N, C-alpha and C. Protein backbone atom coordinates (compact mmCIF):
# COMPACT_ATOMS: atom_id res chain seq x y z
N UNK A 1 168.46 155.82 177.07
CA UNK A 1 167.87 156.17 178.33
C UNK A 1 166.38 155.90 178.37
N UNK A 2 165.72 155.95 177.20
CA UNK A 2 164.27 155.76 177.16
C UNK A 2 163.88 154.36 177.58
N UNK A 3 164.75 153.36 177.36
CA UNK A 3 164.43 151.99 177.69
C UNK A 3 164.78 151.61 179.12
N UNK A 4 165.33 152.53 179.88
CA UNK A 4 165.74 152.23 181.25
C UNK A 4 164.55 151.94 182.15
N UNK A 5 164.77 151.04 183.10
CA UNK A 5 163.75 150.78 184.10
C UNK A 5 163.70 151.94 185.07
N UNK A 6 162.54 152.24 185.63
CA UNK A 6 162.45 153.36 186.57
C UNK A 6 163.27 153.07 187.82
N UNK A 7 163.83 154.13 188.36
CA UNK A 7 164.60 153.99 189.59
C UNK A 7 163.64 153.71 190.74
N UNK A 8 164.20 153.30 191.88
CA UNK A 8 163.37 153.01 193.04
C UNK A 8 162.61 154.26 193.48
N UNK A 9 163.27 155.41 193.39
CA UNK A 9 162.63 156.67 193.78
C UNK A 9 161.46 156.98 192.85
N UNK A 10 161.65 156.77 191.53
CA UNK A 10 160.58 157.02 190.58
C UNK A 10 159.43 156.03 190.79
N UNK A 11 159.75 154.78 191.10
CA UNK A 11 158.72 153.77 191.35
C UNK A 11 157.90 154.15 192.58
N UNK A 12 158.58 154.65 193.63
CA UNK A 12 157.88 155.07 194.83
C UNK A 12 156.98 156.27 194.53
N UNK A 13 157.51 157.21 193.75
CA UNK A 13 156.70 158.38 193.38
C UNK A 13 155.47 157.95 192.61
N UNK A 14 155.66 156.99 191.71
CA UNK A 14 154.54 156.50 190.92
C UNK A 14 153.52 155.81 191.82
N UNK A 15 153.97 155.03 192.77
CA UNK A 15 153.08 154.36 193.71
C UNK A 15 152.32 155.39 194.53
N UNK A 16 153.01 156.40 194.99
CA UNK A 16 152.37 157.46 195.77
C UNK A 16 151.34 158.19 194.92
N UNK A 17 151.70 158.51 193.68
CA UNK A 17 150.75 159.19 192.79
C UNK A 17 149.50 158.34 192.56
N UNK A 18 149.69 157.04 192.38
CA UNK A 18 148.53 156.16 192.19
C UNK A 18 147.65 156.12 193.43
N UNK A 19 148.27 156.07 194.59
CA UNK A 19 147.50 156.07 195.85
C UNK A 19 146.73 157.38 196.00
N UNK A 20 147.38 158.48 195.69
CA UNK A 20 146.71 159.78 195.80
C UNK A 20 145.52 159.82 194.85
N UNK A 21 145.69 159.33 193.64
CA UNK A 21 144.59 159.31 192.67
C UNK A 21 143.42 158.47 193.19
N UNK A 22 143.73 157.34 193.85
CA UNK A 22 142.67 156.50 194.41
C UNK A 22 141.94 157.24 195.52
N UNK A 23 142.69 157.96 196.34
CA UNK A 23 142.08 158.68 197.45
C UNK A 23 141.23 159.83 196.92
N UNK A 24 141.70 160.47 195.87
CA UNK A 24 140.99 161.62 195.31
C UNK A 24 139.66 161.20 194.69
N UNK A 25 139.59 159.99 194.22
CA UNK A 25 138.36 159.47 193.64
C UNK A 25 137.22 159.64 194.64
N UNK A 26 136.10 160.20 194.21
CA UNK A 26 134.98 160.51 195.11
C UNK A 26 134.46 159.28 195.84
N UNK A 27 134.36 158.17 195.16
CA UNK A 27 133.86 156.95 195.80
C UNK A 27 134.82 156.50 196.89
N UNK A 28 136.11 156.51 196.60
CA UNK A 28 137.10 156.12 197.60
C UNK A 28 137.07 157.06 198.80
N UNK A 29 136.89 158.35 198.52
CA UNK A 29 136.83 159.32 199.61
C UNK A 29 135.62 159.06 200.50
N UNK A 30 134.50 158.77 199.89
CA UNK A 30 133.29 158.50 200.66
C UNK A 30 133.45 157.24 201.50
N UNK A 31 134.01 156.19 200.91
CA UNK A 31 134.23 154.95 201.66
C UNK A 31 135.24 155.20 202.78
N UNK A 32 136.29 155.93 202.48
CA UNK A 32 137.29 156.25 203.50
C UNK A 32 136.69 157.04 204.65
N UNK A 33 135.84 158.00 204.33
CA UNK A 33 135.18 158.78 205.39
C UNK A 33 134.24 157.91 206.21
N UNK A 34 133.51 157.03 205.56
CA UNK A 34 132.59 156.14 206.29
C UNK A 34 133.37 155.22 207.23
N UNK A 35 134.48 154.67 206.75
CA UNK A 35 135.30 153.81 207.61
C UNK A 35 135.89 154.61 208.76
N UNK A 36 136.29 155.83 208.49
CA UNK A 36 136.81 156.70 209.55
C UNK A 36 135.70 157.01 210.55
N UNK A 37 134.50 157.23 210.05
CA UNK A 37 133.33 157.48 210.89
C UNK A 37 133.13 156.32 211.87
N UNK A 38 133.20 155.10 211.36
CA UNK A 38 133.04 153.91 212.19
C UNK A 38 134.19 153.81 213.19
N UNK A 39 135.40 154.07 212.73
CA UNK A 39 136.56 154.01 213.62
C UNK A 39 136.44 155.03 214.74
N UNK A 40 135.98 156.23 214.42
CA UNK A 40 135.79 157.26 215.45
C UNK A 40 134.77 156.79 216.48
N UNK A 41 133.70 156.17 216.02
CA UNK A 41 132.68 155.67 216.94
C UNK A 41 133.25 154.58 217.85
N UNK A 42 134.00 153.65 217.29
CA UNK A 42 134.55 152.54 218.08
C UNK A 42 135.59 153.06 219.07
N UNK A 43 136.48 153.95 218.60
CA UNK A 43 137.50 154.51 219.50
C UNK A 43 136.82 155.35 220.58
N UNK A 44 135.83 156.16 220.19
CA UNK A 44 135.09 156.96 221.17
C UNK A 44 134.41 156.08 222.20
N UNK A 45 133.86 154.96 221.77
CA UNK A 45 133.20 154.03 222.69
C UNK A 45 134.20 153.44 223.68
N UNK A 46 135.34 153.03 223.17
CA UNK A 46 136.37 152.45 224.05
C UNK A 46 136.85 153.50 225.06
N UNK A 47 137.09 154.71 224.59
CA UNK A 47 137.54 155.77 225.50
C UNK A 47 136.45 156.13 226.51
N UNK A 48 135.19 156.14 226.08
CA UNK A 48 134.10 156.46 227.00
C UNK A 48 133.96 155.38 228.05
N UNK A 49 134.16 154.15 227.66
CA UNK A 49 134.10 153.03 228.62
C UNK A 49 135.14 153.22 229.71
N UNK A 50 136.29 153.76 229.33
CA UNK A 50 137.37 154.02 230.30
C UNK A 50 137.08 155.29 231.09
N UNK A 51 136.61 156.34 230.43
CA UNK A 51 136.41 157.65 231.06
C UNK A 51 135.21 157.67 232.01
N UNK A 52 134.17 156.91 231.72
CA UNK A 52 132.95 156.95 232.53
C UNK A 52 132.40 155.53 232.70
N UNK A 53 133.13 154.69 233.44
CA UNK A 53 132.74 153.28 233.55
C UNK A 53 131.43 153.05 234.29
N UNK A 54 131.03 153.99 235.17
CA UNK A 54 129.78 153.80 235.92
C UNK A 54 128.56 153.91 235.00
N UNK A 55 128.58 154.86 234.08
CA UNK A 55 127.46 155.05 233.16
C UNK A 55 127.55 154.17 231.92
N UNK A 56 128.74 153.64 231.66
CA UNK A 56 128.95 152.75 230.51
C UNK A 56 129.59 151.46 230.99
N UNK A 57 128.78 150.58 231.64
CA UNK A 57 129.33 149.38 232.27
C UNK A 57 129.82 148.32 231.28
N UNK A 58 129.43 148.43 230.00
CA UNK A 58 129.94 147.46 229.02
C UNK A 58 130.21 148.18 227.69
N UNK A 59 131.00 147.53 226.86
CA UNK A 59 131.41 148.13 225.59
C UNK A 59 130.22 148.30 224.64
N UNK A 60 129.27 147.39 224.70
CA UNK A 60 128.10 147.48 223.83
C UNK A 60 127.32 148.76 224.05
N UNK A 61 127.11 149.12 225.31
CA UNK A 61 126.41 150.35 225.64
C UNK A 61 127.22 151.57 225.20
N UNK A 62 128.54 151.49 225.36
CA UNK A 62 129.41 152.59 224.94
C UNK A 62 129.38 152.75 223.41
N UNK A 63 129.36 151.64 222.69
CA UNK A 63 129.28 151.71 221.22
C UNK A 63 127.93 152.31 220.81
N UNK A 64 126.85 151.90 221.48
CA UNK A 64 125.54 152.47 221.19
C UNK A 64 125.56 153.98 221.37
N UNK A 65 126.14 154.45 222.48
CA UNK A 65 126.23 155.89 222.73
C UNK A 65 127.08 156.57 221.65
N UNK A 66 128.23 155.97 221.31
CA UNK A 66 129.14 156.57 220.34
C UNK A 66 128.51 156.67 218.96
N UNK A 67 127.79 155.65 218.55
CA UNK A 67 127.13 155.69 217.24
C UNK A 67 126.05 156.77 217.23
N UNK A 68 125.28 156.88 218.30
CA UNK A 68 124.27 157.94 218.40
C UNK A 68 124.93 159.32 218.32
N UNK A 69 126.04 159.44 219.02
CA UNK A 69 126.70 160.74 219.13
C UNK A 69 127.38 161.13 217.83
N UNK A 70 128.12 160.21 217.25
CA UNK A 70 128.87 160.54 216.03
C UNK A 70 127.94 160.78 214.84
N UNK A 71 126.76 160.16 214.87
CA UNK A 71 125.80 160.39 213.78
C UNK A 71 124.86 161.54 214.09
N UNK A 72 125.07 162.18 215.20
CA UNK A 72 124.30 163.35 215.69
C UNK A 72 122.83 163.03 215.97
N UNK A 73 122.49 161.74 216.18
CA UNK A 73 121.13 161.37 216.53
C UNK A 73 120.88 161.71 217.99
N UNK A 74 121.73 161.22 218.88
CA UNK A 74 121.67 161.54 220.30
C UNK A 74 120.32 161.33 220.94
N UNK A 75 119.89 160.09 221.14
CA UNK A 75 118.60 159.80 221.77
C UNK A 75 118.54 160.31 223.21
N UNK A 76 119.67 160.32 223.89
CA UNK A 76 119.69 160.78 225.28
C UNK A 76 119.40 159.68 226.28
N UNK A 77 119.27 158.45 225.80
CA UNK A 77 119.02 157.35 226.74
C UNK A 77 120.25 157.00 227.56
N UNK A 78 121.44 157.25 227.00
CA UNK A 78 122.69 157.02 227.71
C UNK A 78 123.53 158.27 227.53
N UNK A 79 123.95 158.86 228.65
CA UNK A 79 124.75 160.08 228.57
C UNK A 79 125.90 160.01 229.57
N UNK A 80 127.03 160.63 229.21
CA UNK A 80 128.14 160.65 230.16
C UNK A 80 127.84 161.60 231.32
N UNK A 81 128.34 161.22 232.50
CA UNK A 81 128.10 162.06 233.68
C UNK A 81 129.38 162.72 234.19
N UNK A 82 130.53 162.14 233.89
CA UNK A 82 131.78 162.70 234.38
C UNK A 82 132.25 163.82 233.45
N UNK A 83 133.13 164.67 233.96
CA UNK A 83 133.67 165.77 233.15
C UNK A 83 134.45 165.20 231.95
N UNK A 84 135.27 164.18 232.21
CA UNK A 84 136.05 163.57 231.13
C UNK A 84 135.11 162.98 230.08
N UNK A 85 134.04 162.34 230.53
CA UNK A 85 133.07 161.76 229.60
C UNK A 85 132.37 162.82 228.78
N UNK A 86 132.02 163.93 229.40
CA UNK A 86 131.36 165.00 228.67
C UNK A 86 132.29 165.68 227.66
N UNK A 87 133.55 165.86 228.05
CA UNK A 87 134.53 166.42 227.11
C UNK A 87 134.68 165.48 225.92
N UNK A 88 134.81 164.19 226.22
CA UNK A 88 134.92 163.20 225.15
C UNK A 88 133.66 163.22 224.28
N UNK A 89 132.50 163.36 224.91
CA UNK A 89 131.25 163.46 224.15
C UNK A 89 131.23 164.67 223.23
N UNK A 90 131.72 165.80 223.72
CA UNK A 90 131.79 167.00 222.89
C UNK A 90 132.70 166.81 221.70
N UNK A 91 133.85 166.20 221.94
CA UNK A 91 134.78 165.93 220.84
C UNK A 91 134.13 164.99 219.83
N UNK A 92 133.45 163.97 220.32
CA UNK A 92 132.78 163.00 219.45
C UNK A 92 131.71 163.70 218.59
N UNK A 93 130.96 164.63 219.20
CA UNK A 93 129.93 165.36 218.45
C UNK A 93 130.55 166.24 217.35
N UNK A 94 131.61 166.95 217.69
CA UNK A 94 132.25 167.83 216.70
C UNK A 94 132.79 167.00 215.54
N UNK A 95 133.43 165.89 215.87
CA UNK A 95 133.95 165.02 214.81
C UNK A 95 132.81 164.48 213.96
N UNK A 96 131.71 164.06 214.60
CA UNK A 96 130.56 163.54 213.86
C UNK A 96 129.98 164.55 212.89
N UNK A 97 129.78 165.77 213.37
CA UNK A 97 129.24 166.83 212.51
C UNK A 97 130.20 167.11 211.36
N UNK A 98 131.49 167.15 211.66
CA UNK A 98 132.49 167.41 210.62
C UNK A 98 132.47 166.32 209.55
N UNK A 99 132.41 165.07 209.98
CA UNK A 99 132.41 163.98 209.00
C UNK A 99 131.14 163.96 208.18
N UNK A 100 130.01 164.29 208.77
CA UNK A 100 128.78 164.37 207.98
C UNK A 100 128.93 165.43 206.90
N UNK A 101 129.53 166.56 207.27
CA UNK A 101 129.76 167.62 206.27
C UNK A 101 130.70 167.13 205.17
N UNK A 102 131.76 166.41 205.54
CA UNK A 102 132.70 165.91 204.54
C UNK A 102 132.05 164.89 203.61
N UNK A 103 131.24 163.99 204.17
CA UNK A 103 130.56 163.00 203.33
C UNK A 103 129.60 163.71 202.37
N UNK A 104 128.85 164.66 202.89
CA UNK A 104 127.93 165.42 202.04
C UNK A 104 128.68 166.15 200.94
N UNK A 105 129.81 166.76 201.30
CA UNK A 105 130.61 167.48 200.29
C UNK A 105 131.16 166.50 199.26
N UNK A 106 131.58 165.32 199.69
CA UNK A 106 132.11 164.32 198.76
C UNK A 106 131.07 163.86 197.76
N UNK A 107 129.87 163.58 198.25
CA UNK A 107 128.79 163.13 197.36
C UNK A 107 128.41 164.26 196.41
N UNK A 108 128.29 165.47 196.95
CA UNK A 108 127.95 166.62 196.11
C UNK A 108 129.01 166.84 195.04
N UNK A 109 130.25 166.73 195.43
CA UNK A 109 131.35 166.90 194.48
C UNK A 109 131.26 165.88 193.36
N UNK A 110 130.97 164.63 193.71
CA UNK A 110 130.86 163.59 192.69
C UNK A 110 129.72 163.88 191.72
N UNK A 111 128.58 164.33 192.25
CA UNK A 111 127.44 164.64 191.39
C UNK A 111 127.76 165.81 190.47
N UNK A 112 128.38 166.85 191.03
CA UNK A 112 128.74 168.03 190.23
C UNK A 112 129.76 167.65 189.16
N UNK A 113 130.73 166.81 189.53
CA UNK A 113 131.76 166.38 188.58
C UNK A 113 131.13 165.61 187.42
N UNK A 114 130.21 164.70 187.73
CA UNK A 114 129.55 163.94 186.66
C UNK A 114 128.74 164.86 185.76
N UNK A 115 128.06 165.83 186.35
CA UNK A 115 127.28 166.77 185.54
C UNK A 115 128.19 167.59 184.65
N UNK A 116 129.34 168.01 185.18
CA UNK A 116 130.29 168.80 184.38
C UNK A 116 130.85 167.96 183.24
N UNK A 117 131.14 166.69 183.52
CA UNK A 117 131.65 165.81 182.46
C UNK A 117 130.60 165.62 181.37
N UNK A 118 129.33 165.49 181.77
CA UNK A 118 128.24 165.36 180.80
C UNK A 118 128.11 166.61 179.95
N UNK A 119 128.23 167.77 180.59
CA UNK A 119 128.14 169.03 179.86
C UNK A 119 129.32 169.18 178.90
N UNK A 120 130.50 168.78 179.33
CA UNK A 120 131.68 168.85 178.45
C UNK A 120 131.50 167.94 177.24
N UNK A 121 130.95 166.76 177.47
CA UNK A 121 130.73 165.83 176.36
C UNK A 121 129.71 166.41 175.38
N UNK A 122 128.65 167.02 175.91
CA UNK A 122 127.64 167.64 175.04
C UNK A 122 128.26 168.78 174.24
N UNK A 123 129.10 169.59 174.89
CA UNK A 123 129.79 170.69 174.19
C UNK A 123 130.70 170.14 173.09
N UNK A 124 131.43 169.06 173.41
CA UNK A 124 132.33 168.46 172.43
C UNK A 124 131.55 167.95 171.23
N UNK A 125 130.42 167.29 171.47
CA UNK A 125 129.60 166.79 170.35
C UNK A 125 129.04 167.93 169.52
N UNK A 126 128.58 169.01 170.19
CA UNK A 126 128.06 170.17 169.47
C UNK A 126 129.17 170.81 168.62
N UNK A 127 130.37 170.95 169.19
CA UNK A 127 131.49 171.50 168.43
C UNK A 127 131.86 170.61 167.26
N UNK A 128 131.81 169.31 167.48
CA UNK A 128 132.13 168.36 166.41
C UNK A 128 131.12 168.48 165.26
N UNK A 129 129.85 168.60 165.60
CA UNK A 129 128.80 168.76 164.57
C UNK A 129 128.96 170.08 163.83
N UNK A 130 129.27 171.15 164.56
CA UNK A 130 129.49 172.46 163.92
C UNK A 130 130.67 172.39 162.97
N UNK A 131 131.74 171.74 163.40
CA UNK A 131 132.92 171.60 162.55
C UNK A 131 132.58 170.81 161.29
N UNK A 132 131.81 169.75 161.44
CA UNK A 132 131.42 168.95 160.28
C UNK A 132 130.59 169.79 159.31
N UNK A 133 129.63 170.58 159.83
CA UNK A 133 128.81 171.44 158.96
C UNK A 133 129.69 172.45 158.23
N UNK A 134 130.66 173.02 158.93
CA UNK A 134 131.55 174.00 158.29
C UNK A 134 132.36 173.32 157.19
N UNK A 135 132.88 172.14 157.46
CA UNK A 135 133.69 171.43 156.46
C UNK A 135 132.82 171.07 155.25
N UNK A 136 131.58 170.61 155.51
CA UNK A 136 130.68 170.29 154.41
C UNK A 136 130.36 171.54 153.57
N UNK A 137 130.13 172.65 154.26
CA UNK A 137 129.84 173.91 153.55
C UNK A 137 131.05 174.35 152.72
N UNK A 138 132.24 174.19 153.26
CA UNK A 138 133.45 174.54 152.51
C UNK A 138 133.61 173.64 151.29
N UNK A 139 133.29 172.37 151.43
CA UNK A 139 133.38 171.45 150.29
C UNK A 139 132.38 171.85 149.20
N UNK A 140 131.16 172.22 149.62
CA UNK A 140 130.15 172.67 148.65
C UNK A 140 130.60 173.95 147.96
N UNK A 141 131.18 174.86 148.73
CA UNK A 141 131.67 176.12 148.17
C UNK A 141 132.80 175.85 147.18
N UNK A 142 133.69 174.94 147.53
CA UNK A 142 134.80 174.58 146.64
C UNK A 142 134.25 173.99 145.34
N UNK A 143 133.25 173.13 145.47
CA UNK A 143 132.64 172.52 144.29
C UNK A 143 131.98 173.60 143.42
N UNK A 144 131.26 174.51 144.05
CA UNK A 144 130.58 175.58 143.30
C UNK A 144 131.61 176.47 142.61
N UNK A 145 132.69 176.81 143.29
CA UNK A 145 133.75 177.63 142.67
C UNK A 145 134.39 176.89 141.50
N UNK A 146 134.57 175.59 141.66
CA UNK A 146 135.15 174.80 140.57
C UNK A 146 134.22 174.83 139.34
N UNK A 147 132.92 174.72 139.59
CA UNK A 147 131.95 174.76 138.48
C UNK A 147 131.94 176.14 137.83
N UNK A 148 132.03 177.20 138.64
CA UNK A 148 132.07 178.56 138.10
C UNK A 148 133.34 178.74 137.28
N UNK A 149 134.46 178.19 137.78
CA UNK A 149 135.73 178.28 137.05
C UNK A 149 135.65 177.58 135.70
N UNK A 150 135.01 176.41 135.67
CA UNK A 150 134.86 175.68 134.41
C UNK A 150 133.98 176.48 133.44
N UNK A 151 132.91 177.04 133.93
CA UNK A 151 132.03 177.84 133.07
C UNK A 151 132.78 179.07 132.54
N UNK A 152 133.57 179.68 133.42
CA UNK A 152 134.35 180.86 133.00
C UNK A 152 135.36 180.48 131.93
N UNK A 153 136.01 179.33 132.12
CA UNK A 153 136.96 178.86 131.11
C UNK A 153 136.24 178.64 129.77
N UNK A 154 135.05 178.08 129.82
CA UNK A 154 134.27 177.84 128.59
C UNK A 154 133.91 179.15 127.92
N UNK A 155 133.50 180.14 128.73
CA UNK A 155 133.14 181.45 128.17
C UNK A 155 134.36 182.10 127.56
N UNK A 156 135.51 182.05 128.23
CA UNK A 156 136.74 182.65 127.73
C UNK A 156 137.18 181.98 126.43
N UNK A 157 137.04 180.66 126.33
CA UNK A 157 137.44 179.99 125.10
C UNK A 157 136.51 180.36 123.95
N UNK A 158 135.22 180.57 124.21
CA UNK A 158 134.30 181.00 123.16
C UNK A 158 134.62 182.40 122.71
N UNK A 159 134.98 183.28 123.65
CA UNK A 159 135.33 184.65 123.28
C UNK A 159 136.62 184.66 122.46
N UNK A 160 137.56 183.81 122.80
CA UNK A 160 138.83 183.77 122.09
C UNK A 160 138.61 183.21 120.68
N UNK A 161 137.67 182.31 120.45
CA UNK A 161 137.41 181.72 119.14
C UNK A 161 136.62 182.68 118.24
N UNK A 162 135.93 183.59 118.79
CA UNK A 162 135.11 184.50 117.99
C UNK A 162 135.94 185.57 117.47
């Protein structure tokens, strides 16, 4: 059974596990969030162009507004005037703020993880050095006991000969 090829179900599970691991990676998460950020801006721009065509006569202006809004810059040079446009603007702002928080959390997580890995490596090296010192001390103690044993044997043989 050990030499069997994985079943289709196991292969799919393995593929899913690999994908999850890629997504969990901090760099992948940050890139994924950035791409989602851009997608939200583009979709928001297209929807704003439809929802408020008088204030957003072309897609370029709508994209400019969406990028300002999703990044929370909001210059105010272009603003929606219709109720649908304002609702869409509110949704765009909430999503923008949320994604900024997620990106910040992702970067912070990566920095903290690297620091923790560095600390673990330092602890491992310190433990390794302590273990080596203990082993060296035990070897010295063993050698000293062996020398004491030899001296004791010599003393006992002299006492037995006398």
